[in-house]
Amino acid sequence: MDEFNNPFAGLDATGLPAGNPNLPASPAPKKNRGRVDIIRQKAGRGGKTVTVVKNFVGIGMPEKEALAKKMQKACGTGGTVKDGQIEIQGDQRESVVRILEEAGFRPVLAGG
């Protein structure tokens, strides 16, 4: 009965090299967690530039705070999570893009 369910049941493995047990398992494919927009804002902030990440879907506040903390550490600047958006001081778009890609998001640079 197994021969009909498993197409490889009839194959013989003799003569094939053994697998290397020291190799790590193949990495799981990164799942796409959706698009997020990265915007550089200056208006209404006293002339200071801020990098804003918004339009998160299906992500809770604790994870946003963890991402914000990681971004702040990588950029060496301050930041916050406000109104469901992550705000990082300065024009830090390149670093923010890298961190979001590592987390499985699809960052898009929007606006100026």
C-alpha atoms as a PDB file:
ATOM      1  CA  MET A   1       0.000   0.000   0.000  1.00  0.00           C
ATOM      2  CA  ASP A   2       2.923   2.399   0.737  1.00  0.00           C
ATOM      3  CA  GLU A   3       4.174   2.010  -2.835  1.00  0.00           C
ATOM      4  CA  PHE A   4       1.099   3.823  -4.063  1.00  0.00           C
ATOM      5  CA  ASN A   5       1.270   6.691  -1.550  1.00  0.00           C
ATOM      6  CA  ASN A   6       5.025   7.313  -1.694  1.00  0.00           C
ATOM      7  CA  PRO A   7       6.444   7.689  -5.202  1.00  0.00           C
ATOM      8  CA  PHE A   8       9.982   7.183  -3.859  1.00  0.00           C
ATOM      9  CA  ALA A   9       9.316   3.945  -1.975  1.00  0.00           C
ATOM     10  CA  GLY A  10      10.640   1.778  -4.821  1.00  0.00           C
ATOM     11  CA  LEU A  11      13.923   3.677  -5.228  1.00  0.00           C
ATOM     12  CA  ASP A  12      17.198   2.169  -4.029  1.00  0.00           C
ATOM     13  CA  ALA A  13      19.751   4.353  -2.168  1.00  0.00           C
ATOM     14  CA  THR A  14      22.731   2.037  -2.582  1.00  0.00           C
ATOM     15  CA  GLY A  15      25.722   3.689  -4.190  1.00  0.00           C
ATOM     16  CA  LEU A  16      24.727   7.205  -3.106  1.00  0.00           C
ATOM     17  CA  PRO A  17      27.070   9.165  -0.821  1.00  0.00           C
ATOM     18  CA  ALA A  18      26.021   9.641   2.800  1.00  0.00           C
ATOM     19  CA  GLY A  19      24.870  13.078   3.859  1.00  0.00           C
ATOM     20  CA  ASN A  20      27.152  15.333   5.871  1.00  0.00           C
ATOM     21  CA  PRO A  21      25.865  15.494   9.480  1.00  0.00           C
ATOM     22  CA  ASN A  22      27.947  18.645  10.135  1.00  0.00           C
ATOM     23  CA  LEU A  23      25.992  20.741   7.645  1.00  0.00           C
ATOM     24  CA  PRO A  24      23.274  22.951   9.136  1.00  0.00           C
ATOM     25  CA  ALA A  25      19.699  22.318   8.146  1.00  0.00           C
ATOM     26  CA  SER A  26      18.534  24.410   5.227  1.00  0.00           C
ATOM     27  CA  PRO A  27      17.241  27.774   6.447  1.00  0.00           C
ATOM     28  CA  ALA A  28      13.513  28.296   6.413  1.00  0.00           C
ATOM     29  CA  PRO A  29      12.401  30.713   3.718  1.00  0.00           C
ATOM     30  CA  LYS A  30      11.715  34.189   5.053  1.00  0.00           C
ATOM     31  CA  LYS A  31       8.044  34.826   5.211  1.00  0.00           C
ATOM     32  CA  ASN A  32       6.722  38.020   3.732  1.00  0.00           C
ATOM     33  CA  ARG A  33       5.157  40.045   6.516  1.00  0.00           C
ATOM     34  CA  GLY A  34       3.838  42.749   4.210  1.00  0.00           C
ATOM     35  CA  ARG A  35       4.745  46.174   2.958  1.00  0.00           C
ATOM     36  CA  VAL A  36       5.723  49.005   5.275  1.00  0.00           C
ATOM     37  CA  ASP A  37       6.329  52.600   4.204  1.00  0.00           C
ATOM     38  CA  ILE A  38       9.423  54.543   5.254  1.00  0.00           C
ATOM     39  CA  ILE A  39       9.043  58.311   5.136  1.00  0.00           C
ATOM     40  CA  ARG A  40      11.455  61.141   5.935  1.00  0.00           C
ATOM     41  CA  GLN A  41       9.553  63.966   7.632  1.00  0.00           C
ATOM     42  CA  LYS A  42      10.690  67.438   8.551  1.00  0.00           C
ATOM     43  CA  ALA A  43       7.508  69.514   8.605  1.00  0.00           C
ATOM     44  CA  GLY A  44       6.051  70.320  12.009  1.00  0.00           C
ATOM     45  CA  ARG A  45       9.108  69.048  13.868  1.00  0.00           C
ATOM     46  CA  GLY A  46      11.013  72.258  14.467  1.00  0.00           C
ATOM     47  CA  GLY A  47      13.289  71.711  11.466  1.00  0.00           C
ATOM     48  CA  LYS A  48      14.458  68.307  12.706  1.00  0.00           C
ATOM     49  CA  THR A  49      14.398  65.332  10.337  1.00  0.00           C
ATOM     50  CA  VAL A  50      12.643  62.150  11.470  1.00  0.00           C
ATOM     51  CA  THR A  51      12.401  58.748   9.768  1.00  0.00           C
ATOM     52  CA  VAL A  52       8.867  57.356  10.139  1.00  0.00           C
ATOM     53  CA  VAL A  53       7.902  53.726   9.527  1.00  0.00           C
ATOM     54  CA  LYS A  54       4.177  53.142   9.130  1.00  0.00           C
ATOM     55  CA  ASN A  55       1.451  50.889   7.700  1.00  0.00           C
ATOM     56  CA  PHE A  56       2.314  47.793   9.736  1.00  0.00           C
ATOM     57  CA  VAL A  57      -0.259  45.015   9.344  1.00  0.00           C
ATOM     58  CA  GLY A  58      -0.726  42.242  11.901  1.00  0.00           C
ATOM     59  CA  ILE A  59       2.022  43.339  14.264  1.00  0.00           C
ATOM     60  CA  GLY A  60       1.480  44.127  17.930  1.00  0.00           C
ATOM     61  CA  MET A  61       2.797  46.981  20.011  1.00  0.00           C
ATOM     62  CA  PRO A  62       5.465  44.867  21.816  1.00  0.00           C
ATOM     63  CA  GLU A  63       7.006  43.831  18.492  1.00  0.00           C
ATOM     64  CA  LYS A  64       6.962  47.425  17.223  1.00  0.00           C
ATOM     65  CA  GLU A  65       8.742  48.528  20.386  1.00  0.00           C
ATOM     66  CA  ALA A  66      11.342  45.767  19.938  1.00  0.00           C
ATOM     67  CA  LEU A  67      11.910  46.820  16.305  1.00  0.00           C
ATOM     68  CA  ALA A  68      12.190  50.472  17.358  1.00  0.00           C
ATOM     69  CA  LYS A  69      14.764  49.570  20.006  1.00  0.00           C
ATOM     70  CA  LYS A  70      16.788  47.593  17.451  1.00  0.00           C
ATOM     71  CA  MET A  71      16.649  50.540  15.010  1.00  0.00           C
ATOM     72  CA  GLN A  72      17.702  53.020  17.684  1.00  0.00           C
ATOM     73  CA  LYS A  73      20.674  50.870  18.651  1.00  0.00           C
ATOM     74  CA  ALA A  74      21.765  50.344  15.031  1.00  0.00           C
ATOM     75  CA  CYS A  75      21.440  54.050  14.176  1.00  0.00           C
ATOM     76  CA  GLY A  76      22.814  55.390  17.453  1.00  0.00           C
ATOM     77  CA  THR A  77      19.872  57.760  17.821  1.00  0.00           C
ATOM     78  CA  GLY A  78      16.677  58.103  19.764  1.00  0.00           C
ATOM     79  CA  GLY A  79      13.217  57.141  18.674  1.00  0.00           C
ATOM     80  CA  THR A  80       9.741  56.152  19.783  1.00  0.00           C
ATOM     81  CA  VAL A  81       6.580  54.296  18.864  1.00  0.00           C
ATOM     82  CA  LYS A  82       3.701  56.746  18.505  1.00  0.00           C
ATOM     83  CA  ASP A  83       0.218  56.182  17.027  1.00  0.00           C
ATOM     84  CA  GLY A  84       1.244  52.762  15.680  1.00  0.00           C
ATOM     85  CA  GLN A  85       4.239  54.228  13.843  1.00  0.00           C
ATOM     86  CA  ILE A  86       7.940  53.933  14.595  1.00  0.00           C
ATOM     87  CA  GLU A  87       9.782  57.274  14.620  1.00  0.00           C
ATOM     88  CA  ILE A  88      13.592  57.370  14.526  1.00  0.00           C
ATOM     89  CA  GLN A  89      15.503  60.641  14.853  1.00  0.00           C
ATOM     90  CA  GLY A  90      17.431  61.765  11.775  1.00  0.00           C
ATOM     91  CA  ASP A  91      17.497  60.506   8.196  1.00  0.00           C
ATOM     92  CA  GLN A  92      18.156  56.824   8.942  1.00  0.00           C
ATOM     93  CA  ARG A  93      16.305  55.252   6.019  1.00  0.00           C
ATOM     94  CA  GLU A  94      19.109  52.935   4.844  1.00  0.00           C
ATOM     95  CA  SER A  95      19.595  51.352   8.264  1.00  0.00           C
ATOM     96  CA  VAL A  96      15.848  51.072   8.844  1.00  0.00           C
ATOM     97  CA  VAL A  97      15.374  49.329   5.473  1.00  0.00           C
ATOM     98  CA  ARG A  98      18.041  46.752   6.350  1.00  0.00           C
ATOM     99  CA  ILE A  99      16.509  45.986   9.760  1.00  0.00           C
ATOM    100  CA  LEU A 100      12.999  45.660   8.339  1.00  0.00           C
ATOM    101  CA  GLU A 101      14.179  43.338   5.562  1.00  0.00           C
ATOM    102  CA  GLU A 102      15.889  41.131   8.148  1.00  0.00           C
ATOM    103  CA  ALA A 103      12.583  41.003  10.063  1.00  0.00           C
ATOM    104  CA  GLY A 104      10.760  39.802   6.931  1.00  0.00           C
ATOM    105  CA  PHE A 105       9.008  43.023   5.933  1.00  0.00           C
ATOM    106  CA  ARG A 106       9.003  44.595   2.480  1.00  0.00           C
ATOM    107  CA  PRO A 107      10.088  48.212   3.103  1.00  0.00           C
ATOM    108  CA  VAL A 108       9.226  50.868   0.547  1.00  0.00           C
ATOM    109  CA  LEU A 109      10.756  54.337   0.552  1.00  0.00           C
ATOM    110  CA  ALA A 110       7.835  56.740   0.176  1.00  0.00           C
ATOM    111  CA  GLY A 111       7.755  60.505  -0.080  1.00  0.00           C
ATOM    112  CA  GLY A 112      10.753  62.823   0.115  1.00  0.00           C
END
